[in-house]
C-alpha atoms as a PDB file:
ATOM      1  CA  MET A   1     114.261  81.248 131.650  1.00  0.00           C
ATOM      2  CA  LYS A   2     112.719  84.387 130.213  1.00  0.00           C
ATOM      3  CA  PRO A   3     111.203  83.909 126.722  1.00  0.00           C
ATOM      4  CA  LEU A   4     113.224  85.540 123.978  1.00  0.00           C
ATOM      5  CA  ILE A   5     111.581  88.150 121.800  1.00  0.00           C
ATOM      6  CA  ALA A   6     113.047  88.655 118.334  1.00  0.00           C
ATOM      7  CA  LYS A   7     114.248  92.221 117.817  1.00  0.00           C
ATOM      8  CA  PHE A   8     113.765  92.073 114.030  1.00  0.00           C
ATOM      9  CA  GLY A   9     110.816  90.844 111.973  1.00  0.00           C
ATOM     10  CA  ILE A  10     110.168  88.978 108.760  1.00  0.00           C
ATOM     11  CA  GLY A  11     110.471  91.361 105.822  1.00  0.00           C
ATOM     12  CA  GLN A  12     112.837  93.706 107.641  1.00  0.00           C
ATOM     13  CA  VAL A  13     116.033  94.759 105.870  1.00  0.00           C
ATOM     14  CA  VAL A  14     119.106  94.426 108.089  1.00  0.00           C
ATOM     15  CA  ARG A  15     122.859  94.649 107.770  1.00  0.00           C
ATOM     16  CA  HIS A  16     125.669  92.791 109.505  1.00  0.00           C
ATOM     17  CA  ARG A  17     127.512  94.754 112.191  1.00  0.00           C
ATOM     18  CA  LYS A  18     130.990  93.500 111.200  1.00  0.00           C
ATOM     19  CA  TYR A  19     130.846  92.215 107.637  1.00  0.00           C
ATOM     20  CA  PRO A  20     129.794  94.123 104.497  1.00  0.00           C
ATOM     21  CA  PHE A  21     126.485  92.478 103.674  1.00  0.00           C
ATOM     22  CA  ARG A  22     122.802  93.157 104.080  1.00  0.00           C
ATOM     23  CA  GLY A  23     119.621  91.232 103.510  1.00  0.00           C
ATOM     24  CA  ILE A  24     115.950  90.731 104.143  1.00  0.00           C
ATOM     25  CA  ILE A  25     114.738  88.433 106.926  1.00  0.00           C
ATOM     26  CA  TYR A  26     112.589  85.556 105.699  1.00  0.00           C
ATOM     27  CA  ASP A  27     112.554  83.358 108.824  1.00  0.00           C
ATOM     28  CA  VAL A  28     113.516  83.526 112.515  1.00  0.00           C
ATOM     29  CA  ASP A  29     114.649  80.825 114.931  1.00  0.00           C
ATOM     30  CA  PRO A  30     114.065  81.757 118.619  1.00  0.00           C
ATOM     31  CA  VAL A  31     117.466  80.203 119.471  1.00  0.00           C
ATOM     32  CA  PHE A  32     120.300  78.696 117.428  1.00  0.00           C
ATOM     33  CA  ALA A  33     118.980  75.885 115.210  1.00  0.00           C
ATOM     34  CA  ASN A  34     121.861  75.070 112.874  1.00  0.00           C
ATOM     35  CA  THR A  35     124.546  72.370 113.180  1.00  0.00           C
ATOM     36  CA  ASP A  36     127.310  72.400 115.777  1.00  0.00           C
ATOM     37  CA  GLU A  37     129.745  72.022 112.898  1.00  0.00           C
ATOM     38  CA  TRP A  38     128.463  75.303 111.415  1.00  0.00           C
ATOM     39  CA  TRP A  39     128.699  77.035 114.787  1.00  0.00           C
ATOM     40  CA  ARG A  40     132.254  75.786 115.449  1.00  0.00           C
ATOM     41  CA  SER A  41     133.337  77.011 111.992  1.00  0.00           C
ATOM     42  CA  ILE A  42     132.896  80.594 113.233  1.00  0.00           C
ATOM     43  CA  PRO A  43     136.150  81.986 114.705  1.00  0.00           C
ATOM     44  CA  GLU A  44     135.932  81.723 118.494  1.00  0.00           C
ATOM     45  CA  ASP A  45     136.576  85.425 119.100  1.00  0.00           C
ATOM     46  CA  VAL A  46     133.450  86.369 117.087  1.00  0.00           C
ATOM     47  CA  ARG A  47     131.318  83.248 117.703  1.00  0.00           C
ATOM     48  CA  PRO A  48     127.846  84.290 118.925  1.00  0.00           C
ATOM     49  CA  HIS A  49     126.127  82.664 121.880  1.00  0.00           C
ATOM     50  CA  LYS A  50     123.374  80.204 120.948  1.00  0.00           C
ATOM     51  CA  ASP A  51     120.611  81.424 123.274  1.00  0.00           C
ATOM     52  CA  GLN A  52     119.408  84.338 121.133  1.00  0.00           C
ATOM     53  CA  PRO A  53     117.289  84.646 117.996  1.00  0.00           C
ATOM     54  CA  PHE A  54     118.968  83.676 114.717  1.00  0.00           C
ATOM     55  CA  TYR A  55     117.736  85.017 111.390  1.00  0.00           C
ATOM     56  CA  HIS A  56     117.555  83.513 107.905  1.00  0.00           C
ATOM     57  CA  LEU A  57     118.363  86.188 105.318  1.00  0.00           C
ATOM     58  CA  PHE A  58     118.188  86.572 101.575  1.00  0.00           C
ATOM     59  CA  ALA A  59     121.572  88.280 101.683  1.00  0.00           C
ATOM     60  CA  GLU A  60     123.768  90.239  99.299  1.00  0.00           C
ATOM     61  CA  ASN A  61     127.122  91.935  99.187  1.00  0.00           C
ATOM     62  CA  THR A  62     128.723  93.895  96.364  1.00  0.00           C
ATOM     63  CA  GLU A  63     129.609  90.698  94.450  1.00  0.00           C
ATOM     64  CA  THR A  64     126.804  88.183  94.936  1.00  0.00           C
ATOM     65  CA  GLU A  65     123.530  87.089  96.495  1.00  0.00           C
ATOM     66  CA  TYR A  66     123.215  84.160  98.904  1.00  0.00           C
ATOM     67  CA  VAL A  67     121.351  82.850 101.961  1.00  0.00           C
ATOM     68  CA  ALA A  68     122.795  83.709 105.390  1.00  0.00           C
ATOM     69  CA  TYR A  69     122.110  82.608 108.969  1.00  0.00           C
ATOM     70  CA  VAL A  70     122.974  85.368 111.439  1.00  0.00           C
ATOM     71  CA  SER A  71     122.678  85.915 115.189  1.00  0.00           C
ATOM     72  CA  GLU A  72     120.684  88.845 116.486  1.00  0.00           C
ATOM     73  CA  GLN A  73     123.757  90.367 118.174  1.00  0.00           C
ATOM     74  CA  ASN A  74     125.404  90.732 114.752  1.00  0.00           C
ATOM     75  CA  LEU A  75     122.532  92.523 113.010  1.00  0.00           C
ATOM     76  CA  MET A  76     121.335  96.102 112.868  1.00  0.00           C
ATOM     77  CA  PRO A  77     118.582  97.777 110.842  1.00  0.00           C
ATOM     78  CA  ASP A  78     119.525  98.810 107.302  1.00  0.00           C
ATOM     79  CA  THR A  79     118.253 102.345 106.841  1.00  0.00           C
ATOM     80  CA  SER A  80     119.542 102.895 103.295  1.00  0.00           C
ATOM     81  CA  GLY A  81     116.105 102.419 101.720  1.00  0.00           C
ATOM     82  CA  ASP A  82     117.774 100.594  98.823  1.00  0.00           C
ATOM     83  CA  PRO A  83     115.869  97.579  97.447  1.00  0.00           C
ATOM     84  CA  VAL A  84     117.312  94.117  98.097  1.00  0.00           C
ATOM     85  CA  ARG A  85     118.343  92.572  94.770  1.00  0.00           C
ATOM     86  CA  HIS A  86     118.409  88.895  95.862  1.00  0.00           C
ATOM     87  CA  PRO A  87     116.426  86.906  93.229  1.00  0.00           C
ATOM     88  CA  GLN A  88     114.270  85.068  95.798  1.00  0.00           C
ATOM     89  CA  VAL A  89     112.939  88.260  97.404  1.00  0.00           C
ATOM     90  CA  ASP A  90     110.243  88.755  94.751  1.00  0.00           C
ATOM     91  CA  GLU A  91     108.998  85.180  95.247  1.00  0.00           C
ATOM     92  CA  MET A  92     108.182  85.826  98.904  1.00  0.00           C
ATOM     93  CA  PHE A  93     107.800  89.590  99.344  1.00  0.00           C
ATOM     94  CA  GLU A  94     106.380  92.644  97.671  1.00  0.00           C
ATOM     95  CA  ARG A  95     107.838  96.087  98.261  1.00  0.00           C
ATOM     96  CA  ALA A  96     105.392  98.809  99.237  1.00  0.00           C
ATOM     97  CA  HIS A  97     105.641 102.413  98.040  1.00  0.00           C
ATOM     98  CA  ASP A  98     107.375 103.364 101.305  1.00  0.00           C
ATOM     99  CA  GLY A  99     110.082 100.715 100.694  1.00  0.00           C
ATOM    100  CA  VAL A 100     108.808  98.303 103.345  1.00  0.00           C
ATOM    101  CA  TYR A 101     108.711  94.632 102.376  1.00  0.00           C
ATOM    102  CA  GLN A 102     105.551  92.651 103.089  1.00  0.00           C
ATOM    103  CA  ILE A 103     104.904  88.940 102.641  1.00  0.00           C
ATOM    104  CA  ARG A 104     103.362  88.385  99.236  1.00  0.00           C
ATOM    105  CA  ALA A 105      99.726  87.293  99.346  1.00  0.00           C
ATOM    106  CA  PRO A 106      99.206  83.726  98.091  1.00  0.00           C
ATOM    107  CA  ARG A 107      98.364  83.550  94.407  1.00  0.00           C
ATOM    108  CA  LEU A 108      95.049  81.898  93.652  1.00  0.00           C
ATOM    109  CA  ASN A 109      94.809  80.026  90.368  1.00  0.00           C
END
């Protein structure tokens, strides 16, 4: 089997292809690594295949912020340039002048 290469990287802002939410990637699984119960809860007609990268997102929609787990096939780059308002983003990332998110350097006491 050919090794899978993640299309998106940590710190990248993405949006869902079908549902109205966006978020910043904070972790990547090379293949599905959640529970079968979670996977089966997705309607069969939109259920993604498991042998692709899955992304952990600090996600947001117009109403709220939350954590999401999304297959690569359902993501696309978010090119809005708008900052992500999720409260955990600032704990892990800093936003550069060009709007790109980078992992925050460890704080030394």
